[in-house]
Amino acid sequence: MKKMISKGFTLVELIVVIAIIGALAVILIPSMIHYVKEARIAAVIADTRIIKQSVEASLVKNIMLNGETGEDGFNKFLYLDKNNTTYEAVGAFTNVSWVSYRKKENMTSKSSTLDKVVASALDDSFSETWKTGKKTNPMKYNSSTSNCAKYLKDNNTNFGLVVIYNTDGTVKMIQLYRKGILVTYIGNDYIVNTNDDAHFVGTAKWDTIYTDAGETPPSDAENLSIPNKQINDSGGTGTWY
């Protein structure tokens, strides 16, 4: 019987194959990373859209059914000028209220009137994979060092959420940080910030939302800001976060 001789790759052939694989990796890996990143951005934008729709639907329904009680929830200040001399009343929802709702805490204060409505709507829209973590307002994390990523780490959560809404139930601004991406809904646009030091706007003017993401802000954005204060149940002014 003739011996069957199996021939392997020569050293030259192996080098050629490795070189081809390396060349393909150089070409394909950046494209794959880009597509993965774009998919993650699209997912966070989609989440932000769902939040907007859920919040507005729940607020409009509640305001129509119980407008007087609903007004109690609009206890935050939205400054309308650079000098912070004029403002309008708005409502706000953050992780803090969602945590309270999840923990079945007693949310009976005037400021909690609409928090329960919004939290219930978001629970219906999203699964338990949204880990609410500790009761800390994301707006505290408003600098390059105290940023969104640090918020997730410090508070044992996988997202940060700030929603500002008008007295008619429409959403004014949303900031959602998830999967390393900060998406801000403002002025009917979705502004994406993928920087490692992306942070919530806090008390800064809203034009910084655009400039932090490398975009040019509209002229009116430099007039708007949310201070760290609110009207409390006794009618006085206290801090928000």
Protein backbone atom coordinates (compact mmCIF):
# COMPACT_ATOMS: atom_id res chain seq x y z
CA MET A 1 0.00 0.00 0.00
CA LYS A 2 1.19 3.39 -0.79
CA LYS A 3 1.79 5.59 2.20
CA MET A 4 -0.51 8.58 2.41
CA ILE A 5 1.50 11.67 3.05
CA SER A 6 -0.37 14.68 4.45
CA LYS A 7 1.32 17.91 3.65
CA GLY A 8 0.90 20.90 6.00
CA PHE A 9 1.36 24.60 5.38
CA THR A 10 4.87 25.80 4.77
CA LEU A 11 6.23 28.68 6.84
CA VAL A 12 5.83 31.03 3.88
CA GLU A 13 2.20 30.00 3.41
CA LEU A 14 1.47 30.55 7.12
CA ILE A 15 3.01 34.00 6.97
CA VAL A 16 0.87 34.88 3.93
CA VAL A 17 -2.33 33.66 5.66
CA ILE A 18 -1.52 35.57 8.85
CA ALA A 19 -0.77 38.70 6.82
CA ILE A 20 -4.14 38.41 5.01
CA ILE A 21 -6.02 37.93 8.30
CA GLY A 22 -4.19 40.91 9.78
CA ALA A 23 -5.03 43.09 6.80
CA LEU A 24 -8.69 42.11 6.99
CA ALA A 25 -8.73 42.83 10.73
CA VAL A 26 -7.29 46.31 10.14
CA ILE A 27 -10.04 46.98 7.62
CA LEU A 28 -12.99 45.33 9.33
CA ILE A 29 -12.50 45.91 13.08
CA PRO A 30 -12.84 49.74 12.97
CA SER A 31 -15.99 49.35 10.86
CA MET A 32 -17.41 46.81 13.28
CA ILE A 33 -16.64 49.07 16.26
CA HIS A 34 -18.30 51.96 14.44
CA TYR A 35 -21.46 49.95 13.70
CA VAL A 36 -21.64 48.69 17.30
CA LYS A 37 -21.31 52.24 18.60
CA GLU A 38 -23.96 53.52 16.19
CA ALA A 39 -26.29 50.71 17.27
CA ARG A 40 -25.82 51.63 20.93
CA ILE A 41 -26.52 55.29 20.18
CA ALA A 42 -29.66 54.34 18.26
CA ALA A 43 -30.83 52.21 21.19
CA VAL A 44 -30.42 55.05 23.72
CA ILE A 45 -32.20 57.49 21.39
CA ALA A 46 -35.03 54.97 21.03
CA ASP A 47 -35.25 54.69 24.83
CA THR A 48 -35.38 58.48 25.09
CA ARG A 49 -38.23 58.60 22.57
CA ILE A 50 -40.17 55.98 24.55
CA ILE A 51 -39.61 57.95 27.76
CA LYS A 52 -40.88 61.13 26.10
CA GLN A 53 -43.98 59.41 24.76
CA SER A 54 -44.72 57.64 28.07
CA VAL A 55 -44.25 60.77 30.18
CA GLU A 56 -46.36 62.98 27.95
CA ALA A 57 -49.19 60.45 27.62
CA SER A 58 -49.36 59.91 31.38
CA LEU A 59 -49.13 63.62 32.25
CA VAL A 60 -51.73 64.79 29.75
CA LYS A 61 -54.14 62.12 30.93
CA ASN A 62 -53.62 63.03 34.59
CA ILE A 63 -53.85 66.78 34.03
CA MET A 64 -57.08 66.39 32.08
CA LEU A 65 -58.60 64.22 34.81
CA ASN A 66 -57.24 66.07 37.83
CA GLY A 67 -55.76 69.37 36.76
CA GLU A 68 -55.84 71.11 40.12
CA THR A 69 -53.93 68.35 41.92
CA GLY A 70 -51.57 68.04 38.98
CA GLU A 71 -50.52 71.66 39.31
CA ASP A 72 -48.92 70.87 42.67
CA GLY A 73 -46.23 68.91 40.89
CA PHE A 74 -44.94 71.94 38.95
CA ASN A 75 -42.66 73.27 41.66
CA LYS A 76 -39.33 73.74 39.84
CA PHE A 77 -37.95 76.93 38.30
CA LEU A 78 -36.94 77.21 34.66
CA TYR A 79 -35.02 80.46 34.18
CA LEU A 80 -35.76 82.16 30.88
CA ASP A 81 -33.02 84.79 30.66
CA LYS A 82 -29.27 85.08 31.16
CA ASN A 83 -29.63 87.07 34.37
CA ASN A 84 -32.04 84.57 35.98
CA THR A 85 -34.67 87.24 36.65
CA THR A 86 -37.65 85.65 34.91
CA TYR A 87 -38.81 82.06 35.17
CA GLU A 88 -41.70 79.71 34.61
CA ALA A 89 -42.89 76.79 36.71
CA VAL A 90 -42.05 73.32 35.42
CA GLY A 91 -42.13 69.78 36.72
CA ALA A 92 -39.22 67.39 36.99
CA PHE A 93 -38.65 63.66 37.33
CA THR A 94 -35.36 61.86 38.07
CA ASN A 95 -34.06 58.52 39.34
CA VAL A 96 -34.94 59.68 42.86
CA SER A 97 -38.68 59.45 42.27
CA TRP A 98 -38.42 56.19 40.35
CA VAL A 99 -36.52 54.65 43.28
CA SER A 100 -39.21 55.85 45.70
CA TYR A 101 -41.92 54.36 43.53
CA ARG A 102 -40.11 51.04 43.16
CA LYS A 103 -39.57 50.85 46.92
CA LYS A 104 -43.26 51.61 47.49
CA GLU A 105 -42.42 54.59 49.65
CA ASN A 106 -45.08 57.02 50.85
CA MET A 107 -45.23 59.55 48.00
CA THR A 108 -47.94 61.81 49.38
CA SER A 109 -46.31 65.25 49.23
CA LYS A 110 -47.50 67.77 46.68
CA SER A 111 -44.25 67.45 44.77
CA SER A 112 -44.84 63.69 44.46
CA THR A 113 -48.27 64.06 42.86
CA LEU A 114 -47.02 63.60 39.33
CA ASP A 115 -43.93 61.56 40.22
CA LYS A 116 -46.11 58.52 40.85
CA VAL A 117 -47.89 59.04 37.55
CA VAL A 118 -44.64 59.24 35.59
CA ALA A 119 -42.94 56.37 37.47
CA SER A 120 -45.91 54.10 36.87
CA ALA A 121 -45.88 54.93 33.15
CA LEU A 122 -42.15 54.21 32.88
CA ASP A 123 -42.52 50.93 34.76
CA ASP A 124 -45.15 49.93 32.21
CA SER A 125 -42.84 50.94 29.35
CA PHE A 126 -39.61 49.33 30.54
CA SER A 127 -38.62 46.07 32.17
CA GLU A 128 -36.87 45.44 35.46
CA THR A 129 -33.51 45.66 33.65
CA TRP A 130 -33.65 49.38 34.44
CA LYS A 131 -31.88 49.28 37.80
CA THR A 132 -32.87 52.41 39.70
CA GLY A 133 -30.14 52.18 42.37
CA LYS A 134 -29.85 54.77 45.14
CA LYS A 135 -31.93 57.91 45.72
CA THR A 136 -29.50 60.44 44.29
CA ASN A 137 -30.43 63.19 41.86
CA PRO A 138 -28.35 62.83 38.66
CA MET A 139 -28.24 66.63 38.39
CA LYS A 140 -25.57 66.58 41.12
CA TYR A 141 -23.21 64.94 38.65
CA ASN A 142 -22.67 68.01 36.51
CA SER A 143 -18.94 68.34 35.89
CA SER A 144 -16.23 66.55 33.92
CA THR A 145 -14.98 64.83 37.09
CA SER A 146 -18.35 64.25 38.74
CA ASN A 147 -19.88 62.88 35.56
CA CYS A 148 -22.47 60.41 34.27
CA ALA A 149 -20.20 57.37 34.47
CA LYS A 150 -19.38 58.22 38.10
CA TYR A 151 -23.10 58.57 38.83
CA LEU A 152 -23.73 54.99 37.69
CA LYS A 153 -20.80 53.69 39.72
CA ASP A 154 -21.61 55.64 42.90
CA ASN A 155 -25.30 54.83 42.90
CA ASN A 156 -25.37 51.20 41.78
CA THR A 157 -27.54 51.83 38.75
CA ASN A 158 -27.33 51.30 34.99
CA PHE A 159 -28.90 54.57 33.91
CA GLY A 160 -29.34 58.22 34.85
CA LEU A 161 -32.52 60.12 33.96
CA VAL A 162 -33.67 63.73 34.18
CA VAL A 163 -37.00 64.83 32.70
CA ILE A 164 -38.25 68.43 32.70
CA TYR A 165 -41.85 68.96 31.60
CA ASN A 166 -44.25 71.86 31.06
CA THR A 167 -47.58 72.56 32.76
CA ASP A 168 -49.43 71.34 29.64
CA GLY A 169 -47.79 67.92 29.99
CA THR A 170 -45.29 68.27 27.16
CA VAL A 171 -41.64 67.38 27.73
CA LYS A 172 -39.22 70.30 27.72
CA MET A 173 -35.96 68.41 28.14
CA ILE A 174 -34.75 64.85 28.80
CA GLN A 175 -31.26 63.70 29.66
CA LEU A 176 -30.73 59.93 29.59
CA TYR A 177 -27.37 58.30 30.21
CA ARG A 178 -27.14 54.61 29.34
CA LYS A 179 -24.49 52.27 27.95
CA GLY A 180 -21.83 55.00 28.06
CA ILE A 181 -23.93 57.44 26.00
CA LEU A 182 -25.66 60.65 27.09
CA VAL A 183 -28.66 61.57 24.94
CA THR A 184 -30.44 64.86 25.50
CA TYR A 185 -33.83 65.61 23.99
CA ILE A 186 -34.17 69.37 23.68
CA GLY A 187 -35.81 71.62 21.10
CA ASN A 188 -37.18 68.57 19.23
CA ASP A 189 -33.61 67.36 18.68
CA TYR A 190 -31.66 64.45 20.15
CA ILE A 191 -28.15 65.59 21.10
CA VAL A 192 -25.65 62.74 21.54
CA ASN A 193 -22.59 62.99 23.79
CA THR A 194 -20.25 59.98 23.79
CA ASN A 195 -17.36 61.65 25.62
CA ASP A 196 -15.95 59.81 28.64
CA ASP A 197 -16.57 62.89 30.81
CA ALA A 198 -20.16 63.46 29.63
CA HIS A 199 -22.18 64.93 32.50
CA PHE A 200 -25.66 66.16 33.30
CA VAL A 201 -26.39 69.83 32.78
CA GLY A 202 -27.07 70.64 36.44
CA THR A 203 -27.55 74.37 36.99
CA ALA A 204 -25.57 75.38 33.89
CA LYS A 205 -27.14 77.13 30.92
CA TRP A 206 -28.64 74.73 28.41
CA ASP A 207 -26.35 75.85 25.59
CA THR A 208 -23.65 73.73 27.27
CA ILE A 209 -25.64 70.63 26.33
CA TYR A 210 -24.77 71.40 22.71
CA THR A 211 -21.21 72.66 23.18
CA ASP A 212 -20.26 69.66 25.35
CA ALA A 213 -21.34 67.42 22.47
CA GLY A 214 -19.41 69.50 19.92
CA GLU A 215 -22.49 71.09 18.37
CA THR A 216 -23.54 74.70 17.86
CA PRO A 217 -26.38 75.72 20.21
CA PRO A 218 -29.40 77.77 19.15
CA SER A 219 -29.35 81.33 20.46
CA ASP A 220 -32.17 80.85 22.98
CA ALA A 221 -30.47 77.90 24.72
CA GLU A 222 -28.06 80.23 26.53
CA ASN A 223 -31.02 81.76 28.36
CA LEU A 224 -32.42 78.57 29.87
CA SER A 225 -31.33 76.85 33.08
CA ILE A 226 -32.71 74.95 36.07
CA PRO A 227 -31.54 76.19 39.49
CA ASN A 228 -31.07 73.96 42.49
CA LYS A 229 -34.26 75.04 44.19
CA GLN A 230 -37.97 74.34 44.26
CA ILE A 231 -41.18 75.51 45.90
CA ASN A 232 -41.77 73.26 48.89
CA ASP A 233 -45.10 72.11 50.37
CA SER A 234 -45.26 75.02 52.79
CA GLY A 235 -44.98 77.53 49.97
CA GLY A 236 -41.37 78.47 50.66
CA THR A 237 -38.30 77.80 48.57
CA GLY A 238 -35.95 74.89 49.27
CA THR A 239 -33.21 73.03 47.46
CA TRP A 240 -34.01 70.44 44.82
CA TYR A 241 -30.87 68.32 44.96
